[in-house]
C-alpha atoms as a PDB file:
ATOM      1  CA  GLN A   1      54.288  54.370  39.952  1.00  0.00           C
ATOM      2  CA  VAL A   2      57.295  52.118  40.374  1.00  0.00           C
ATOM      3  CA  GLN A   3      60.684  53.632  39.634  1.00  0.00           C
ATOM      4  CA  LEU A   4      63.801  51.605  38.900  1.00  0.00           C
ATOM      5  CA  VAL A   5      67.358  52.926  38.911  1.00  0.00           C
ATOM      6  CA  GLU A   6      70.261  50.785  37.731  1.00  0.00           C
ATOM      7  CA  SER A   7      73.865  51.269  38.784  1.00  0.00           C
ATOM      8  CA  GLY A   8      77.167  49.442  38.724  1.00  0.00           C
ATOM      9  CA  GLY A   9      77.952  49.455  35.036  1.00  0.00           C
ATOM     10  CA  GLY A  10      81.343  50.376  33.681  1.00  0.00           C
ATOM     11  CA  LEU A  11      84.357  49.295  31.688  1.00  0.00           C
ATOM     12  CA  VAL A  12      85.983  45.961  32.503  1.00  0.00           C
ATOM     13  CA  GLN A  13      88.466  43.670  30.806  1.00  0.00           C
ATOM     14  CA  ALA A  14      87.420  40.299  29.450  1.00  0.00           C
ATOM     15  CA  GLY A  15      87.358  37.733  32.233  1.00  0.00           C
ATOM     16  CA  GLY A  16      86.507  40.343  34.820  1.00  0.00           C
ATOM     17  CA  SER A  17      83.422  40.852  36.951  1.00  0.00           C
ATOM     18  CA  LEU A  18      80.804  43.503  37.606  1.00  0.00           C
ATOM     19  CA  ARG A  19      77.813  43.662  39.910  1.00  0.00           C
ATOM     20  CA  LEU A  20      74.788  45.587  38.726  1.00  0.00           C
ATOM     21  CA  SER A  21      72.188  46.870  41.150  1.00  0.00           C
ATOM     22  CA  CYS A  22      68.641  48.019  40.533  1.00  0.00           C
ATOM     23  CA  ALA A  23      67.010  50.010  43.298  1.00  0.00           C
ATOM     24  CA  THR A  24      63.245  50.349  43.226  1.00  0.00           C
ATOM     25  CA  SER A  25      60.795  52.771  44.812  1.00  0.00           C
ATOM     26  CA  GLY A  26      57.139  53.659  44.651  1.00  0.00           C
ATOM     27  CA  GLY A  27      55.758  50.166  44.983  1.00  0.00           C
ATOM     28  CA  THR A  28      55.820  46.991  47.047  1.00  0.00           C
ATOM     29  CA  PHE A  29      58.996  45.390  45.786  1.00  0.00           C
ATOM     30  CA  SER A  30      58.146  41.930  47.061  1.00  0.00           C
ATOM     31  CA  LYS A  31      55.050  41.850  44.840  1.00  0.00           C
ATOM     32  CA  TYR A  32      57.133  41.964  41.660  1.00  0.00           C
ATOM     33  CA  ALA A  33      59.091  39.464  39.708  1.00  0.00           C
ATOM     34  CA  MET A  34      62.222  41.155  38.408  1.00  0.00           C
ATOM     35  CA  GLY A  35      64.226  40.771  35.253  1.00  0.00           C
ATOM     36  CA  TRP A  36      67.396  41.938  33.568  1.00  0.00           C
ATOM     37  CA  PHE A  37      67.578  42.607  29.840  1.00  0.00           C
ATOM     38  CA  ARG A  38      70.329  44.015  27.653  1.00  0.00           C
ATOM     39  CA  GLN A  39      70.692  45.765  24.329  1.00  0.00           C
ATOM     40  CA  ALA A  40      73.916  45.732  22.360  1.00  0.00           C
ATOM     41  CA  PRO A  41      74.607  48.306  19.633  1.00  0.00           C
ATOM     42  CA  LYS A  42      72.489  47.704  16.547  1.00  0.00           C
ATOM     43  CA  LYS A  43      70.778  44.722  18.157  1.00  0.00           C
ATOM     44  CA  GLU A  44      67.382  44.061  19.658  1.00  0.00           C
ATOM     45  CA  ARG A  45      66.989  44.117  23.416  1.00  0.00           C
ATOM     46  CA  GLU A  46      67.247  40.594  24.785  1.00  0.00           C
ATOM     47  CA  PHE A  47      66.445  38.714  27.951  1.00  0.00           C
ATOM     48  CA  VAL A  48      69.263  38.011  30.423  1.00  0.00           C
ATOM     49  CA  ALA A  49      67.821  36.739  33.707  1.00  0.00           C
ATOM     50  CA  THR A  50      64.731  36.794  35.886  1.00  0.00           C
ATOM     51  CA  ILE A  51      63.855  36.103  39.515  1.00  0.00           C
ATOM     52  CA  ASN A  52      60.525  35.571  41.250  1.00  0.00           C
ATOM     53  CA  TRP A  53      59.271  37.499  44.252  1.00  0.00           C
ATOM     54  CA  SER A  54      60.981  35.382  46.892  1.00  0.00           C
ATOM     55  CA  GLY A  55      64.217  34.734  45.071  1.00  0.00           C
ATOM     56  CA  ALA A  56      63.637  31.001  45.143  1.00  0.00           C
ATOM     57  CA  GLY A  57      63.036  30.844  41.408  1.00  0.00           C
ATOM     58  CA  THR A  58      65.463  32.086  38.755  1.00  0.00           C
ATOM     59  CA  TYR A  59      65.932  31.605  35.027  1.00  0.00           C
ATOM     60  CA  TYR A  60      68.771  32.594  32.701  1.00  0.00           C
ATOM     61  CA  ALA A  61      69.469  33.026  29.040  1.00  0.00           C
ATOM     62  CA  ASP A  62      71.729  30.280  27.740  1.00  0.00           C
ATOM     63  CA  SER A  63      74.361  32.860  26.819  1.00  0.00           C
ATOM     64  CA  VAL A  64      74.897  33.851  30.475  1.00  0.00           C
ATOM     65  CA  LYS A  65      74.066  30.647  32.339  1.00  0.00           C
ATOM     66  CA  GLY A  66      76.868  29.690  34.708  1.00  0.00           C
ATOM     67  CA  ARG A  67      78.458  33.147  34.526  1.00  0.00           C
ATOM     68  CA  PHE A  68      75.723  35.510  35.744  1.00  0.00           C
ATOM     69  CA  THR A  69      73.696  35.301  38.953  1.00  0.00           C
ATOM     70  CA  ILE A  70      70.511  37.228  39.667  1.00  0.00           C
ATOM     71  CA  SER A  71      69.493  37.838  43.271  1.00  0.00           C
ATOM     72  CA  ARG A  72      67.278  40.162  45.265  1.00  0.00           C
ATOM     73  CA  ASP A  73      67.056  41.711  48.706  1.00  0.00           C
ATOM     74  CA  ASN A  74      63.428  42.482  49.478  1.00  0.00           C
ATOM     75  CA  ALA A  75      64.407  44.405  52.601  1.00  0.00           C
ATOM     76  CA  LYS A  76      66.460  46.785  50.448  1.00  0.00           C
ATOM     77  CA  ASN A  77      64.048  46.840  47.486  1.00  0.00           C
ATOM     78  CA  THR A  78      66.959  45.940  45.242  1.00  0.00           C
ATOM     79  CA  VAL A  79      67.735  43.330  42.621  1.00  0.00           C
ATOM     80  CA  TYR A  80      71.286  42.448  41.611  1.00  0.00           C
ATOM     81  CA  LEU A  81      73.067  40.912  38.663  1.00  0.00           C
ATOM     82  CA  GLN A  82      76.484  39.473  39.438  1.00  0.00           C
ATOM     83  CA  MET A  83      78.389  39.086  36.185  1.00  0.00           C
ATOM     84  CA  ASN A  84      81.541  36.962  36.143  1.00  0.00           C
ATOM     85  CA  SER A  85      83.826  35.788  33.348  1.00  0.00           C
ATOM     86  CA  LEU A  86      82.683  38.677  31.209  1.00  0.00           C
ATOM     87  CA  LYS A  87      83.160  38.520  27.462  1.00  0.00           C
ATOM     88  CA  PRO A  88      83.283  41.306  24.863  1.00  0.00           C
ATOM     89  CA  GLU A  89      79.924  40.074  23.567  1.00  0.00           C
ATOM     90  CA  ASP A  90      78.394  40.980  26.936  1.00  0.00           C
ATOM     91  CA  THR A  91      78.882  44.643  26.035  1.00  0.00           C
ATOM     92  CA  ALA A  92      75.460  46.284  26.135  1.00  0.00           C
ATOM     93  CA  VAL A  93      73.166  48.614  27.995  1.00  0.00           C
ATOM     94  CA  TYR A  94      71.633  46.589  30.807  1.00  0.00           C
ATOM     95  CA  TYR A  95      68.080  47.277  31.931  1.00  0.00           C
ATOM     96  CA  CYS A  96      66.171  46.032  34.931  1.00  0.00           C
ATOM     97  CA  ALA A  97      62.430  45.555  34.785  1.00  0.00           C
ATOM     98  CA  ALA A  98      59.570  44.736  37.127  1.00  0.00           C
ATOM     99  CA  GLU A  99      56.614  42.508  36.423  1.00  0.00           C
ATOM    100  CA  SER A 100      53.432  42.643  38.503  1.00  0.00           C
ATOM    101  CA  SER A 101      53.478  38.933  39.178  1.00  0.00           C
ATOM    102  CA  LEU A 102      54.746  36.946  42.140  1.00  0.00           C
ATOM    103  CA  LEU A 103      55.716  33.682  40.518  1.00  0.00           C
ATOM    104  CA  SER A 104      56.421  34.579  36.904  1.00  0.00           C
ATOM    105  CA  LEU A 105      59.807  33.899  35.377  1.00  0.00           C
ATOM    106  CA  SER A 106      59.054  35.572  32.094  1.00  0.00           C
ATOM    107  CA  THR A 107      61.623  36.071  29.355  1.00  0.00           C
ATOM    108  CA  GLN A 108      59.273  38.310  27.361  1.00  0.00           C
ATOM    109  CA  GLN A 109      59.718  42.073  27.475  1.00  0.00           C
ATOM    110  CA  TYR A 110      56.013  42.792  27.029  1.00  0.00           C
ATOM    111  CA  GLU A 111      55.254  41.020  30.301  1.00  0.00           C
ATOM    112  CA  TYR A 112      57.183  43.629  32.291  1.00  0.00           C
ATOM    113  CA  ASP A 113      55.392  46.726  33.504  1.00  0.00           C
ATOM    114  CA  TYR A 114      58.208  49.013  34.626  1.00  0.00           C
ATOM    115  CA  TRP A 115      61.710  49.656  33.310  1.00  0.00           C
ATOM    116  CA  GLY A 116      64.844  51.413  34.415  1.00  0.00           C
ATOM    117  CA  GLN A 117      66.886  53.795  32.292  1.00  0.00           C
ATOM    118  CA  GLY A 118      69.738  51.357  31.784  1.00  0.00           C
ATOM    119  CA  THR A 119      73.417  51.181  32.684  1.00  0.00           C
ATOM    120  CA  GLN A 120      76.268  50.696  30.216  1.00  0.00           C
ATOM    121  CA  VAL A 121      78.529  47.669  30.495  1.00  0.00           C
ATOM    122  CA  THR A 122      81.578  47.590  28.253  1.00  0.00           C
ATOM    123  CA  VAL A 123      83.891  44.587  28.144  1.00  0.00           C
ATOM    124  CA  SER A 124      87.230  45.096  26.427  1.00  0.00           C
ATOM    125  CA  SER A 125      89.189  42.262  24.817  1.00  0.00           C
END
């Protein structure tokens, strides 16, 4: 059973930056594509970014493209989300997820097999 634990959330002013981390255990991290999703209050959970097993392939939601960067360190079993130029509309609970696929860059929640508990990101105006 793969376990995912997010960290790095918090309160930041608009225009600021945060770096989220997602540490995994219980599986072979390099066998999973990884994704970040978020859920704002009273909204559906939505796709943010994804990265394939090697890190060579990434894909972003249009709303975060150019501001957020997903990366991974297979030696540390960790995936990251660097968030710059944050906006109040980025306020949400951010979740990382693992998909049992090497090359997939899926934006669909149902494709992901394991999920973390989430970390709160709040951006003040």
